């Protein structure tokens, strides 16, 4: 089975929400495998038009999964695609 494809859309420096969400995303990697692509919003006009007011954004397998904030457990659910998964 192929790994989930995760895109993390962020901006160049100075984004505390981006930093916080990335820490949660990295923590999720301890529990679920996925391919991660980090995209800088300033480097892509289409991403900028679509998400400039929503970053940080996480897209899983081509679908918007998270914007602004999420916990590690919420990210795991989104990446695994199961709403019933819980860490504890």
C-alpha atoms as a PDB file:
ATOM      1  CA  UNK A   1       0.000   0.000   0.000  1.00  0.00           C
ATOM      2  CA  UNK A   2       1.457   3.414  -0.955  1.00  0.00           C
ATOM      3  CA  UNK A   3       2.262   5.905   1.755  1.00  0.00           C
ATOM      4  CA  UNK A   4      -0.046   8.884   2.245  1.00  0.00           C
ATOM      5  CA  UNK A   5       1.177  11.998   0.436  1.00  0.00           C
ATOM      6  CA  UNK A   6       1.305  14.990   2.784  1.00  0.00           C
ATOM      7  CA  UNK A   7       1.986  18.539   1.653  1.00  0.00           C
ATOM      8  CA  UNK A   8       2.795  21.162   4.265  1.00  0.00           C
ATOM      9  CA  UNK A   9       2.179  24.660   2.921  1.00  0.00           C
ATOM     10  CA  UNK A  10       4.017  27.317   4.873  1.00  0.00           C
ATOM     11  CA  UNK A  11       5.754  30.632   4.318  1.00  0.00           C
ATOM     12  CA  UNK A  12       9.295  31.882   4.577  1.00  0.00           C
ATOM     13  CA  UNK A  13      10.219  32.600   8.224  1.00  0.00           C
ATOM     14  CA  UNK A  14       8.306  34.437  10.897  1.00  0.00           C
ATOM     15  CA  UNK A  15       5.205  32.225  11.142  1.00  0.00           C
ATOM     16  CA  UNK A  16       4.617  30.942  14.672  1.00  0.00           C
ATOM     17  CA  UNK A  17       1.516  28.968  13.617  1.00  0.00           C
ATOM     18  CA  UNK A  18       3.581  27.280  10.893  1.00  0.00           C
ATOM     19  CA  UNK A  19       6.298  26.379  13.386  1.00  0.00           C
ATOM     20  CA  UNK A  20       3.774  24.976  15.883  1.00  0.00           C
ATOM     21  CA  UNK A  21       1.961  22.882  13.272  1.00  0.00           C
ATOM     22  CA  UNK A  22       5.229  21.542  11.879  1.00  0.00           C
ATOM     23  CA  UNK A  23       6.238  20.322  15.361  1.00  0.00           C
ATOM     24  CA  UNK A  24       2.911  18.453  15.616  1.00  0.00           C
ATOM     25  CA  UNK A  25       3.386  17.018  12.115  1.00  0.00           C
ATOM     26  CA  UNK A  26       6.870  15.768  12.944  1.00  0.00           C
ATOM     27  CA  UNK A  27       5.512  14.220  16.149  1.00  0.00           C
ATOM     28  CA  UNK A  28       2.843  12.413  14.109  1.00  0.00           C
ATOM     29  CA  UNK A  29       5.644  10.755  12.132  1.00  0.00           C
ATOM     30  CA  UNK A  30       6.418   8.655  15.207  1.00  0.00           C
ATOM     31  CA  UNK A  31       3.024   6.950  14.757  1.00  0.00           C
ATOM     32  CA  UNK A  32       2.252   6.971  11.046  1.00  0.00           C
ATOM     33  CA  UNK A  33       4.428   6.811   7.918  1.00  0.00           C
ATOM     34  CA  UNK A  34       3.882   9.340   5.156  1.00  0.00           C
ATOM     35  CA  UNK A  35       5.734  11.140   2.384  1.00  0.00           C
ATOM     36  CA  UNK A  36       6.153  14.819   3.236  1.00  0.00           C
ATOM     37  CA  UNK A  37       6.580  17.679   0.791  1.00  0.00           C
ATOM     38  CA  UNK A  38       7.153  21.172   2.199  1.00  0.00           C
ATOM     39  CA  UNK A  39       5.910  23.964  -0.050  1.00  0.00           C
ATOM     40  CA  UNK A  40       6.645  27.668   0.441  1.00  0.00           C
ATOM     41  CA  UNK A  41       3.574  29.705  -0.450  1.00  0.00           C
ATOM     42  CA  UNK A  42       5.612  32.612  -1.830  1.00  0.00           C
ATOM     43  CA  UNK A  43       7.181  30.354  -4.462  1.00  0.00           C
ATOM     44  CA  UNK A  44       3.912  29.271  -6.101  1.00  0.00           C
ATOM     45  CA  UNK A  45       1.355  31.769  -7.434  1.00  0.00           C
ATOM     46  CA  UNK A  46      -1.473  29.218  -7.453  1.00  0.00           C
ATOM     47  CA  UNK A  47      -0.865  28.189  -3.833  1.00  0.00           C
ATOM     48  CA  UNK A  48      -0.624  31.841  -2.864  1.00  0.00           C
ATOM     49  CA  UNK A  49      -4.002  32.670  -4.466  1.00  0.00           C
ATOM     50  CA  UNK A  50      -5.672  29.679  -2.862  1.00  0.00           C
ATOM     51  CA  UNK A  51      -4.144  29.636   0.639  1.00  0.00           C
ATOM     52  CA  UNK A  52      -2.503  33.004   1.449  1.00  0.00           C
ATOM     53  CA  UNK A  53      -4.967  33.683   4.290  1.00  0.00           C
ATOM     54  CA  UNK A  54      -5.129  30.093   5.573  1.00  0.00           C
ATOM     55  CA  UNK A  55      -1.522  29.060   6.235  1.00  0.00           C
ATOM     56  CA  UNK A  56      -0.244  26.869   7.568  1.00  0.00           C
ATOM     57  CA  UNK A  57      -2.107  24.300   5.505  1.00  0.00           C
ATOM     58  CA  UNK A  58      -1.758  20.531   5.306  1.00  0.00           C
ATOM     59  CA  UNK A  59      -3.031  18.640   2.286  1.00  0.00           C
ATOM     60  CA  UNK A  60      -3.308  14.860   2.492  1.00  0.00           C
ATOM     61  CA  UNK A  61      -3.558  12.910  -0.751  1.00  0.00           C
ATOM     62  CA  UNK A  62      -4.666  16.021  -2.615  1.00  0.00           C
ATOM     63  CA  UNK A  63      -7.378  17.091  -0.155  1.00  0.00           C
ATOM     64  CA  UNK A  64      -7.290  19.940   2.332  1.00  0.00           C
ATOM     65  CA  UNK A  65      -6.924  18.318   5.742  1.00  0.00           C
ATOM     66  CA  UNK A  66      -5.830  21.087   8.119  1.00  0.00           C
ATOM     67  CA  UNK A  67      -5.496  24.823   8.212  1.00  0.00           C
ATOM     68  CA  UNK A  68      -4.009  26.898  11.028  1.00  0.00           C
ATOM     69  CA  UNK A  69      -3.755  24.396  13.908  1.00  0.00           C
ATOM     70  CA  UNK A  70      -4.015  20.695  14.743  1.00  0.00           C
ATOM     71  CA  UNK A  71      -2.747  18.345  17.405  1.00  0.00           C
ATOM     72  CA  UNK A  72      -0.594  15.336  16.693  1.00  0.00           C
ATOM     73  CA  UNK A  73      -3.564  13.011  17.200  1.00  0.00           C
ATOM     74  CA  UNK A  74      -5.761  15.057  14.843  1.00  0.00           C
ATOM     75  CA  UNK A  75      -3.038  14.897  12.208  1.00  0.00           C
ATOM     76  CA  UNK A  76      -2.682  11.141  12.612  1.00  0.00           C
ATOM     77  CA  UNK A  77      -6.436  10.746  12.044  1.00  0.00           C
ATOM     78  CA  UNK A  78      -6.325  12.905   8.931  1.00  0.00           C
ATOM     79  CA  UNK A  79      -3.280  11.131   7.511  1.00  0.00           C
ATOM     80  CA  UNK A  80      -4.556   7.626   8.259  1.00  0.00           C
ATOM     81  CA  UNK A  81      -8.028   8.543   7.026  1.00  0.00           C
ATOM     82  CA  UNK A  82      -9.791   7.010  10.004  1.00  0.00           C
ATOM     83  CA  UNK A  83     -11.864   9.137  12.336  1.00  0.00           C
ATOM     84  CA  UNK A  84     -11.833   6.506  15.085  1.00  0.00           C
ATOM     85  CA  UNK A  85      -8.074   6.416  15.739  1.00  0.00           C
ATOM     86  CA  UNK A  86      -6.982   7.670  19.128  1.00  0.00           C
ATOM     87  CA  UNK A  87      -3.548   7.649  20.705  1.00  0.00           C
ATOM     88  CA  UNK A  88      -4.679   6.597  24.199  1.00  0.00           C
END
